[in-house]
Amino acid sequence: MSYNKNIWSDRIVERPLTFTMQQNSDGTITLIPAEGEVIQSGTALTANKLNNLESQYEKVQAIAQMFKLTKDNGERTYLNEATDISTLNSGIYYLTAQDIANPSAPIVDTSWMNLDVTVSRDGSMRQFTLRRNHDNRSWIGTLHTDGTFRGWKEITTKIATLWSGDSRGDFSSTFTLSESLSNYDFAFIKMRTGAGINAADRFIDVGTMNGGFQLIEEGTNIPDSTTSNNFYLYEYVTDFNSDLKSFKNARCAALAVNGSGNSTRTNNTNDIGIIKIVGVKL
């Protein structure tokens, strides 16, 4: 049946808990209420009302999630030692990455990790969601029925600008990125020419940059004028450090060739440079 909510009220009388005593012929005593004026009758306590409460409790038990997932105060449960997560019950936990075992965390260090675990098929399968607290990087993983862990899969695509500025003409400075490109799968490198025109931007697989990388950008320029026989050749070279966290311009040479075939070379020009580096994590 549907729940009929009762509005309960107190019984209020002039003299609460006051009685007169009547002596019975069998030697017993009967207490007779002597409350005086009844100010408020109050809600009668009946079997029907109590059974209504009992039936609603049974309905809640039938549909509610009764398994405890958190501490009593709603916080995650702290696992303060090395923990075999393949044996954990469904729950919401936190621990350091270095304490995650069987399987180990995708990144093993002292950073705080939030771990959510669910269990299915009578405990033969487990599902894990792992989130590093300080930067929100997240992974999912599953333990299948055959007992094998199917690997961590990072679930977010990360795109971040690691450096922006203008490196043109600066051959003495080392330009430092906010973090290493080794944390990403691809690098997008945006170029700019001396005239302020975008040059050929580069999209590079970071896996090919291991141990340092030399970026070489070549270009040509033919004047717009139909009467000019001059043209220009450019070569720009920049070196990325082995940790892929900094780069330095090595050279930028320009070769101007006129209509007579005479050429003039200029070294360390400001004709080409990097203006932005973006990391892409798939």
C-alpha atoms as a PDB file:
ATOM      1  CA  MET A   1       0.000   0.000   0.000  1.00  0.00           C
ATOM      2  CA  SER A   2       1.055   3.618  -0.430  1.00  0.00           C
ATOM      3  CA  TYR A   3       2.569   5.424   2.510  1.00  0.00           C
ATOM      4  CA  ASN A   4       0.175   7.590   4.489  1.00  0.00           C
ATOM      5  CA  LYS A   5       2.196  10.096   6.420  1.00  0.00           C
ATOM      6  CA  ASN A   6       1.058  10.725   9.995  1.00  0.00           C
ATOM      7  CA  ILE A   7       1.370  14.140  11.605  1.00  0.00           C
ATOM      8  CA  TRP A   8       2.152  13.423  15.247  1.00  0.00           C
ATOM      9  CA  SER A   9       1.259  15.775  18.093  1.00  0.00           C
ATOM     10  CA  ASP A  10       1.883  15.612  21.844  1.00  0.00           C
ATOM     11  CA  ARG A  11      -0.855  15.143  24.453  1.00  0.00           C
ATOM     12  CA  ILE A  12      -0.953  18.225  26.686  1.00  0.00           C
ATOM     13  CA  VAL A  13      -2.902  18.219  29.947  1.00  0.00           C
ATOM     14  CA  GLU A  14      -3.155  20.348  33.058  1.00  0.00           C
ATOM     15  CA  ARG A  15      -1.585  17.750  35.397  1.00  0.00           C
ATOM     16  CA  PRO A  16       0.526  15.194  33.449  1.00  0.00           C
ATOM     17  CA  LEU A  17       1.276  11.820  35.052  1.00  0.00           C
ATOM     18  CA  THR A  18      -1.229  12.445  37.869  1.00  0.00           C
ATOM     19  CA  PHE A  19      -3.539   9.666  39.128  1.00  0.00           C
ATOM     20  CA  THR A  20      -6.004   8.796  41.891  1.00  0.00           C
ATOM     21  CA  MET A  21      -5.749   5.420  43.554  1.00  0.00           C
ATOM     22  CA  GLN A  22      -8.729   3.036  43.809  1.00  0.00           C
ATOM     23  CA  GLN A  23      -8.598   0.036  46.174  1.00  0.00           C
ATOM     24  CA  ASN A  24     -10.123  -3.076  44.601  1.00  0.00           C
ATOM     25  CA  SER A  25     -11.887  -5.858  46.528  1.00  0.00           C
ATOM     26  CA  ASP A  26      -9.310  -8.416  45.401  1.00  0.00           C
ATOM     27  CA  GLY A  27      -6.519  -6.438  47.029  1.00  0.00           C
ATOM     28  CA  THR A  28      -5.262  -4.802  43.801  1.00  0.00           C
ATOM     29  CA  ILE A  29      -5.037  -1.096  43.123  1.00  0.00           C
ATOM     30  CA  THR A  30      -6.270   0.732  40.021  1.00  0.00           C
ATOM     31  CA  LEU A  31      -4.655   4.028  39.033  1.00  0.00           C
ATOM     32  CA  ILE A  32      -7.150   6.412  37.503  1.00  0.00           C
ATOM     33  CA  PRO A  33      -5.788   9.349  35.448  1.00  0.00           C
ATOM     34  CA  ALA A  34      -6.445  12.689  37.071  1.00  0.00           C
ATOM     35  CA  GLU A  35      -4.992  14.953  34.367  1.00  0.00           C
ATOM     36  CA  GLY A  36      -7.346  17.830  34.865  1.00  0.00           C
ATOM     37  CA  GLU A  37      -8.017  19.936  31.796  1.00  0.00           C
ATOM     38  CA  VAL A  38      -6.990  18.375  28.450  1.00  0.00           C
ATOM     39  CA  ILE A  39      -5.348  21.171  26.466  1.00  0.00           C
ATOM     40  CA  GLN A  40      -4.373  19.034  23.445  1.00  0.00           C
ATOM     41  CA  SER A  41      -5.521  15.457  22.878  1.00  0.00           C
ATOM     42  CA  GLY A  42      -2.397  14.382  20.935  1.00  0.00           C
ATOM     43  CA  THR A  43      -2.089  11.628  18.338  1.00  0.00           C
ATOM     44  CA  ALA A  44      -3.271   8.225  19.461  1.00  0.00           C
ATOM     45  CA  LEU A  45      -0.632   5.470  19.290  1.00  0.00           C
ATOM     46  CA  THR A  46      -2.377   2.597  17.459  1.00  0.00           C
ATOM     47  CA  ALA A  47      -1.355  -0.682  15.859  1.00  0.00           C
ATOM     48  CA  ASN A  48      -2.361   0.676  12.462  1.00  0.00           C
ATOM     49  CA  LYS A  49       0.019   3.615  12.745  1.00  0.00           C
ATOM     50  CA  LEU A  50       2.910   1.475  13.984  1.00  0.00           C
ATOM     51  CA  ASN A  51       2.360  -1.138  11.267  1.00  0.00           C
ATOM     52  CA  ASN A  52       2.450   1.649   8.712  1.00  0.00           C
ATOM     53  CA  LEU A  53       6.004   2.490   9.871  1.00  0.00           C
ATOM     54  CA  GLU A  54       7.052  -1.185   9.779  1.00  0.00           C
ATOM     55  CA  SER A  55       5.818  -1.674   6.205  1.00  0.00           C
ATOM     56  CA  GLN A  56       7.734   1.376   4.980  1.00  0.00           C
ATOM     57  CA  TYR A  57      10.920   0.103   6.627  1.00  0.00           C
ATOM     58  CA  GLU A  58      10.526  -3.215   4.772  1.00  0.00           C
ATOM     59  CA  LYS A  59      10.099  -1.386   1.462  1.00  0.00           C
ATOM     60  CA  VAL A  60      13.272   0.656   2.047  1.00  0.00           C
ATOM     61  CA  GLN A  61      15.226  -2.496   2.849  1.00  0.00           C
ATOM     62  CA  ALA A  62      14.062  -4.075  -0.404  1.00  0.00           C
ATOM     63  CA  ILE A  63      15.261  -1.249  -2.661  1.00  0.00           C
ATOM     64  CA  ALA A  64      18.108   0.471  -0.789  1.00  0.00           C
ATOM     65  CA  GLN A  65      21.856  -0.016  -1.279  1.00  0.00           C
ATOM     66  CA  MET A  66      22.718  -1.572   2.081  1.00  0.00           C
ATOM     67  CA  PHE A  67      26.438  -2.240   1.477  1.00  0.00           C
ATOM     68  CA  LYS A  68      28.690   0.293   3.166  1.00  0.00           C
ATOM     69  CA  LEU A  69      30.888   2.116   0.605  1.00  0.00           C
ATOM     70  CA  THR A  70      32.347   4.898   2.762  1.00  0.00           C
ATOM     71  CA  LYS A  71      33.177   5.665   6.367  1.00  0.00           C
ATOM     72  CA  ASP A  72      30.329   6.686   8.657  1.00  0.00           C
ATOM     73  CA  ASN A  73      31.039  10.379   7.963  1.00  0.00           C
ATOM     74  CA  GLY A  74      30.893   9.876   4.181  1.00  0.00           C
ATOM     75  CA  GLU A  75      34.665  10.146   3.626  1.00  0.00           C
ATOM     76  CA  ARG A  76      36.755   7.712   1.599  1.00  0.00           C
ATOM     77  CA  THR A  77      38.405   4.868   3.481  1.00  0.00           C
ATOM     78  CA  TYR A  78      42.169   5.406   3.901  1.00  0.00           C
ATOM     79  CA  LEU A  79      44.393   2.453   3.043  1.00  0.00           C
ATOM     80  CA  ASN A  80      47.632   3.278   4.860  1.00  0.00           C
ATOM     81  CA  GLU A  81      49.787   0.357   3.695  1.00  0.00           C
ATOM     82  CA  ALA A  82      50.593  -1.663   0.586  1.00  0.00           C
ATOM     83  CA  THR A  83      47.242  -3.016  -0.605  1.00  0.00           C
ATOM     84  CA  ASP A  84      46.350  -5.854  -2.979  1.00  0.00           C
ATOM     85  CA  ILE A  85      43.506  -4.070  -4.762  1.00  0.00           C
ATOM     86  CA  SER A  86      42.434  -7.292  -6.530  1.00  0.00           C
ATOM     87  CA  THR A  87      40.907  -8.441  -3.205  1.00  0.00           C
ATOM     88  CA  LEU A  88      39.137  -5.208  -2.222  1.00  0.00           C
ATOM     89  CA  ASN A  89      35.372  -5.148  -1.763  1.00  0.00           C
ATOM     90  CA  SER A  90      33.266  -2.562  -3.533  1.00  0.00           C
ATOM     91  CA  GLY A  91      34.107   0.765  -1.963  1.00  0.00           C
ATOM     92  CA  ILE A  92      35.568   4.251  -2.213  1.00  0.00           C
ATOM     93  CA  TYR A  93      39.186   4.474  -1.031  1.00  0.00           C
ATOM     94  CA  TYR A  94      42.273   6.683  -1.068  1.00  0.00           C
ATOM     95  CA  LEU A  95      45.959   5.810  -0.723  1.00  0.00           C
ATOM     96  CA  THR A  96      49.369   6.705  -2.164  1.00  0.00           C
ATOM     97  CA  ALA A  97      50.255   5.453  -5.624  1.00  0.00           C
ATOM     98  CA  GLN A  98      53.229   3.497  -4.291  1.00  0.00           C
ATOM     99  CA  ASP A  99      50.916   1.466  -2.006  1.00  0.00           C
ATOM    100  CA  ILE A 100      48.769   0.152  -4.870  1.00  0.00           C
ATOM    101  CA  ALA A 101      49.643  -3.482  -5.584  1.00  0.00           C
ATOM    102  CA  ASN A 102      48.423  -6.326  -7.810  1.00  0.00           C
ATOM    103  CA  PRO A 103      48.258  -4.457 -10.086  1.00  0.00           C
ATOM    104  CA  SER A 104      50.568  -1.544  -9.361  1.00  0.00           C
ATOM    105  CA  ALA A 105      49.501   1.987 -10.225  1.00  0.00           C
ATOM    106  CA  PRO A 106      50.193   3.339 -13.730  1.00  0.00           C
ATOM    107  CA  ILE A 107      52.474   5.940 -12.108  1.00  0.00           C
ATOM    108  CA  VAL A 108      54.309   4.783  -8.985  1.00  0.00           C
ATOM    109  CA  ASP A 109      55.197   7.665  -6.656  1.00  0.00           C
ATOM    110  CA  THR A 110      54.012   9.242  -3.401  1.00  0.00           C
ATOM    111  CA  SER A 111      51.090  11.141  -4.920  1.00  0.00           C
ATOM    112  CA  TRP A 112      47.597  10.685  -3.497  1.00  0.00           C
ATOM    113  CA  MET A 113      45.234   8.482  -5.476  1.00  0.00           C
ATOM    114  CA  ASN A 114      41.443   8.154  -5.178  1.00  0.00           C
ATOM    115  CA  LEU A 115      40.363   4.577  -5.923  1.00  0.00           C
ATOM    116  CA  ASP A 116      36.786   3.418  -6.655  1.00  0.00           C
ATOM    117  CA  VAL A 117      36.161  -0.344  -6.765  1.00  0.00           C
ATOM    118  CA  THR A 118      33.088  -2.286  -7.881  1.00  0.00           C
ATOM    119  CA  VAL A 119      32.676  -6.074  -7.862  1.00  0.00           C
ATOM    120  CA  SER A 120      30.513  -8.257 -10.116  1.00  0.00           C
ATOM    121  CA  ARG A 121      29.795 -11.933 -10.924  1.00  0.00           C
ATOM    122  CA  ASP A 122      30.112 -13.070  -7.308  1.00  0.00           C
ATOM    123  CA  GLY A 123      33.535 -11.455  -6.980  1.00  0.00           C
ATOM    124  CA  SER A 124      35.093 -12.919 -10.126  1.00  0.00           C
ATOM    125  CA  MET A 125      35.280  -9.514 -11.853  1.00  0.00           C
ATOM    126  CA  ARG A 126      36.419  -6.143 -10.513  1.00  0.00           C
ATOM    127  CA  GLN A 127      36.366  -2.671 -12.009  1.00  0.00           C
ATOM    128  CA  PHE A 128      38.735   0.089 -10.902  1.00  0.00           C
ATOM    129  CA  THR A 129      38.642   3.857 -11.391  1.00  0.00           C
ATOM    130  CA  LEU A 130      41.818   5.650 -10.302  1.00  0.00           C
ATOM    131  CA  ARG A 131      42.231   9.434 -10.076  1.00  0.00           C
ATOM    132  CA  ARG A 132      45.387  11.291  -9.083  1.00  0.00           C
ATOM    133  CA  ASN A 133      44.266  14.057  -6.767  1.00  0.00           C
ATOM    134  CA  HIS A 134      46.710  16.883  -7.566  1.00  0.00           C
ATOM    135  CA  ASP A 135      46.184  17.034 -11.333  1.00  0.00           C
ATOM    136  CA  ASN A 136      42.966  15.028 -11.952  1.00  0.00           C
ATOM    137  CA  ARG A 137      44.606  12.504 -14.288  1.00  0.00           C
ATOM    138  CA  SER A 138      42.362   9.429 -14.374  1.00  0.00           C
ATOM    139  CA  TRP A 139      42.631   5.771 -15.370  1.00  0.00           C
ATOM    140  CA  ILE A 140      40.293   2.783 -15.546  1.00  0.00           C
ATOM    141  CA  GLY A 141      41.157  -0.902 -15.293  1.00  0.00           C
ATOM    142  CA  THR A 142      39.384  -4.261 -15.064  1.00  0.00           C
ATOM    143  CA  LEU A 143      40.110  -7.637 -13.504  1.00  0.00           C
ATOM    144  CA  HIS A 144      38.451 -10.297 -15.656  1.00  0.00           C
ATOM    145  CA  THR A 145      36.951 -13.672 -14.765  1.00  0.00           C
ATOM    146  CA  ASP A 146      40.194 -15.495 -15.553  1.00  0.00           C
ATOM    147  CA  GLY A 147      41.979 -13.448 -12.878  1.00  0.00           C
ATOM    148  CA  THR A 148      44.027 -11.366 -15.323  1.00  0.00           C
ATOM    149  CA  PHE A 149      44.280  -7.596 -15.098  1.00  0.00           C
ATOM    150  CA  ARG A 150      43.592  -6.002 -18.493  1.00  0.00           C
ATOM    151  CA  GLY A 151      45.798  -2.942 -17.976  1.00  0.00           C
ATOM    152  CA  TRP A 152      45.282   0.693 -17.009  1.00  0.00           C
ATOM    153  CA  LYS A 153      43.730   2.953 -19.636  1.00  0.00           C
ATOM    154  CA  GLU A 154      43.977   6.713 -19.154  1.00  0.00           C
ATOM    155  CA  ILE A 155      40.531   8.103 -19.842  1.00  0.00           C
ATOM    156  CA  THR A 156      41.268  11.770 -20.466  1.00  0.00           C
ATOM    157  CA  THR A 157      42.773  13.441 -23.498  1.00  0.00           C
ATOM    158  CA  LYS A 158      45.184  16.095 -22.273  1.00  0.00           C
ATOM    159  CA  ILE A 159      46.082  19.116 -24.410  1.00  0.00           C
ATOM    160  CA  ALA A 160      48.291  21.732 -22.792  1.00  0.00           C
ATOM    161  CA  THR A 161      50.327  24.722 -23.957  1.00  0.00           C
ATOM    162  CA  LEU A 162      53.828  23.995 -22.635  1.00  0.00           C
ATOM    163  CA  TRP A 163      55.533  27.102 -23.967  1.00  0.00           C
ATOM    164  CA  SER A 164      54.559  30.289 -25.792  1.00  0.00           C
ATOM    165  CA  GLY A 165      56.623  33.305 -26.770  1.00  0.00           C
ATOM    166  CA  ASP A 166      58.834  34.240 -29.707  1.00  0.00           C
ATOM    167  CA  SER A 167      62.193  32.533 -30.211  1.00  0.00           C
ATOM    168  CA  ARG A 168      63.058  34.329 -33.466  1.00  0.00           C
ATOM    169  CA  GLY A 169      66.544  35.843 -33.533  1.00  0.00           C
ATOM    170  CA  ASP A 170      67.510  34.618 -30.018  1.00  0.00           C
ATOM    171  CA  PHE A 171      70.457  32.217 -30.245  1.00  0.00           C
ATOM    172  CA  SER A 172      71.708  32.520 -26.672  1.00  0.00           C
ATOM    173  CA  SER A 173      68.664  31.739 -24.517  1.00  0.00           C
ATOM    174  CA  THR A 174      67.433  28.328 -23.447  1.00  0.00           C
ATOM    175  CA  PHE A 175      63.647  28.208 -23.593  1.00  0.00           C
ATOM    176  CA  THR A 176      62.103  26.039 -20.848  1.00  0.00           C
ATOM    177  CA  LEU A 177      58.754  24.258 -21.173  1.00  0.00           C
ATOM    178  CA  SER A 178      56.311  24.035 -18.251  1.00  0.00           C
ATOM    179  CA  GLU A 179      56.756  20.241 -18.308  1.00  0.00           C
ATOM    180  CA  SER A 180      58.548  17.644 -20.388  1.00  0.00           C
ATOM    181  CA  LEU A 181      57.178  16.590 -23.765  1.00  0.00           C
ATOM    182  CA  SER A 182      57.883  13.023 -22.625  1.00  0.00           C
ATOM    183  CA  ASN A 183      54.590  13.216 -20.685  1.00  0.00           C
ATOM    184  CA  TYR A 184      52.721  13.481 -23.998  1.00  0.00           C
ATOM    185  CA  ASP A 185      52.192  11.441 -27.146  1.00  0.00           C
ATOM    186  CA  PHE A 186      52.517  14.254 -29.681  1.00  0.00           C
ATOM    187  CA  ALA A 187      53.961  17.749 -29.894  1.00  0.00           C
ATOM    188  CA  PHE A 188      52.413  20.540 -31.961  1.00  0.00           C
ATOM    189  CA  ILE A 189      55.059  23.175 -32.772  1.00  0.00           C
ATOM    190  CA  LYS A 190      53.842  26.474 -34.194  1.00  0.00           C
ATOM    191  CA  MET A 191      56.330  28.457 -36.281  1.00  0.00           C
ATOM    192  CA  ARG A 192      56.504  32.126 -37.317  1.00  0.00           C
ATOM    193  CA  THR A 193      58.541  33.897 -40.020  1.00  0.00           C
ATOM    194  CA  GLY A 194      60.349  37.206 -39.748  1.00  0.00           C
ATOM    195  CA  ALA A 195      57.514  38.906 -41.572  1.00  0.00           C
ATOM    196  CA  GLY A 196      55.051  37.693 -38.963  1.00  0.00           C
ATOM    197  CA  ILE A 197      53.599  35.044 -41.251  1.00  0.00           C
ATOM    198  CA  ASN A 198      52.931  31.516 -39.983  1.00  0.00           C
ATOM    199  CA  ALA A 199      55.483  29.102 -41.372  1.00  0.00           C
ATOM    200  CA  ALA A 200      55.017  25.341 -41.769  1.00  0.00           C
ATOM    201  CA  ASP A 201      53.778  24.200 -38.353  1.00  0.00           C
ATOM    202  CA  ARG A 202      54.930  20.768 -37.203  1.00  0.00           C
ATOM    203  CA  PHE A 203      53.068  17.868 -35.566  1.00  0.00           C
ATOM    204  CA  ILE A 204      55.623  15.401 -34.166  1.00  0.00           C
ATOM    205  CA  ASP A 205      55.336  11.953 -32.575  1.00  0.00           C
ATOM    206  CA  VAL A 206      57.110  12.412 -29.223  1.00  0.00           C
ATOM    207  CA  GLY A 207      58.282   8.790 -29.415  1.00  0.00           C
ATOM    208  CA  THR A 208      60.675   9.853 -32.190  1.00  0.00           C
ATOM    209  CA  MET A 209      62.204  12.578 -29.983  1.00  0.00           C
ATOM    210  CA  ASN A 210      63.672  10.315 -27.275  1.00  0.00           C
ATOM    211  CA  GLY A 211      67.212  11.238 -26.215  1.00  0.00           C
ATOM    212  CA  GLY A 212      67.034  14.719 -27.694  1.00  0.00           C
ATOM    213  CA  PHE A 213      65.762  16.038 -30.978  1.00  0.00           C
ATOM    214  CA  GLN A 214      66.901  18.475 -33.664  1.00  0.00           C
ATOM    215  CA  LEU A 215      64.106  20.264 -35.476  1.00  0.00           C
ATOM    216  CA  ILE A 216      65.025  21.463 -38.953  1.00  0.00           C
ATOM    217  CA  GLU A 217      62.660  23.804 -40.780  1.00  0.00           C
ATOM    218  CA  GLU A 218      63.379  24.783 -44.374  1.00  0.00           C
ATOM    219  CA  GLY A 219      61.561  27.322 -46.507  1.00  0.00           C
ATOM    220  CA  THR A 220      61.627  29.299 -49.699  1.00  0.00           C
ATOM    221  CA  ASN A 221      60.207  32.670 -50.676  1.00  0.00           C
ATOM    222  CA  ILE A 222      59.566  34.058 -54.118  1.00  0.00           C
ATOM    223  CA  PRO A 223      58.607  37.758 -54.212  1.00  0.00           C
ATOM    224  CA  ASP A 224      55.045  38.592 -55.227  1.00  0.00           C
ATOM    225  CA  SER A 225      56.225  41.028 -57.911  1.00  0.00           C
ATOM    226  CA  THR A 226      56.114  39.471 -61.395  1.00  0.00           C
ATOM    227  CA  THR A 227      59.140  41.567 -62.459  1.00  0.00           C
ATOM    228  CA  SER A 228      61.458  40.321 -59.694  1.00  0.00           C
ATOM    229  CA  ASN A 229      63.819  37.423 -60.370  1.00  0.00           C
ATOM    230  CA  ASN A 230      65.048  37.209 -56.772  1.00  0.00           C
ATOM    231  CA  PHE A 231      64.221  34.331 -54.420  1.00  0.00           C
ATOM    232  CA  TYR A 232      65.190  33.330 -50.877  1.00  0.00           C
ATOM    233  CA  LEU A 233      66.125  30.086 -49.141  1.00  0.00           C
ATOM    234  CA  TYR A 234      65.874  29.582 -45.365  1.00  0.00           C
ATOM    235  CA  GLU A 235      67.032  26.926 -42.912  1.00  0.00           C
ATOM    236  CA  TYR A 236      66.108  27.056 -39.223  1.00  0.00           C
ATOM    237  CA  VAL A 237      67.484  24.570 -36.689  1.00  0.00           C
ATOM    238  CA  THR A 238      66.604  24.232 -33.006  1.00  0.00           C
ATOM    239  CA  ASP A 239      67.861  21.626 -30.530  1.00  0.00           C
ATOM    240  CA  PHE A 240      65.630  20.016 -27.878  1.00  0.00           C
ATOM    241  CA  ASN A 241      67.399  18.841 -24.731  1.00  0.00           C
ATOM    242  CA  SER A 242      67.460  15.108 -23.930  1.00  0.00           C
ATOM    243  CA  ASP A 243      64.789  15.553 -21.210  1.00  0.00           C
ATOM    244  CA  LEU A 244      62.516  17.240 -23.809  1.00  0.00           C
ATOM    245  CA  LYS A 245      61.828  20.075 -21.404  1.00  0.00           C
ATOM    246  CA  SER A 246      63.828  22.837 -23.092  1.00  0.00           C
ATOM    247  CA  PHE A 247      65.054  23.930 -26.490  1.00  0.00           C
ATOM    248  CA  LYS A 248      67.607  26.361 -27.924  1.00  0.00           C
ATOM    249  CA  ASN A 249      67.903  27.922 -31.356  1.00  0.00           C
ATOM    250  CA  ALA A 250      70.988  26.547 -33.134  1.00  0.00           C
ATOM    251  CA  ARG A 251      70.916  28.628 -36.282  1.00  0.00           C
ATOM    252  CA  CYS A 252      68.731  30.376 -38.812  1.00  0.00           C
ATOM    253  CA  ALA A 253      70.418  31.029 -42.164  1.00  0.00           C
ATOM    254  CA  ALA A 254      68.982  32.923 -45.116  1.00  0.00           C
ATOM    255  CA  LEU A 255      70.300  32.774 -48.664  1.00  0.00           C
ATOM    256  CA  ALA A 256      69.174  35.508 -51.052  1.00  0.00           C
ATOM    257  CA  VAL A 257      69.656  34.794 -54.763  1.00  0.00           C
ATOM    258  CA  ASN A 258      69.166  37.515 -57.370  1.00  0.00           C
ATOM    259  CA  GLY A 259      68.301  37.233 -61.033  1.00  0.00           C
ATOM    260  CA  SER A 260      71.957  37.156 -62.051  1.00  0.00           C
ATOM    261  CA  GLY A 261      72.588  34.068 -59.924  1.00  0.00           C
ATOM    262  CA  ASN A 262      74.548  35.943 -57.267  1.00  0.00           C
ATOM    263  CA  SER A 263      73.758  34.908 -53.693  1.00  0.00           C
ATOM    264  CA  THR A 264      74.133  36.486 -50.275  1.00  0.00           C
ATOM    265  CA  ARG A 265      74.076  34.415 -47.096  1.00  0.00           C
ATOM    266  CA  THR A 266      72.972  35.831 -43.737  1.00  0.00           C
ATOM    267  CA  ASN A 267      73.524  33.819 -40.549  1.00  0.00           C
ATOM    268  CA  ASN A 268      71.463  33.982 -37.339  1.00  0.00           C
ATOM    269  CA  THR A 269      68.613  35.956 -38.831  1.00  0.00           C
ATOM    270  CA  ASN A 270      65.234  36.406 -37.194  1.00  0.00           C
ATOM    271  CA  ASP A 271      63.371  35.035 -40.192  1.00  0.00           C
ATOM    272  CA  ILE A 272      62.002  31.822 -38.591  1.00  0.00           C
ATOM    273  CA  GLY A 273      61.337  30.734 -35.009  1.00  0.00           C
ATOM    274  CA  ILE A 274      58.999  28.903 -32.642  1.00  0.00           C
ATOM    275  CA  ILE A 275      56.112  30.790 -31.030  1.00  0.00           C
ATOM    276  CA  LYS A 276      54.206  27.972 -29.313  1.00  0.00           C
ATOM    277  CA  ILE A 277      54.591  24.333 -28.256  1.00  0.00           C
ATOM    278  CA  VAL A 278      51.534  22.261 -27.334  1.00  0.00           C
ATOM    279  CA  GLY A 279      51.585  18.756 -25.823  1.00  0.00           C
ATOM    280  CA  VAL A 280      48.843  16.263 -26.779  1.00  0.00           C
ATOM    281  CA  LYS A 281      48.182  13.166 -24.623  1.00  0.00           C
ATOM    282  CA  LEU A 282      45.785  10.618 -26.097  1.00  0.00           C
END
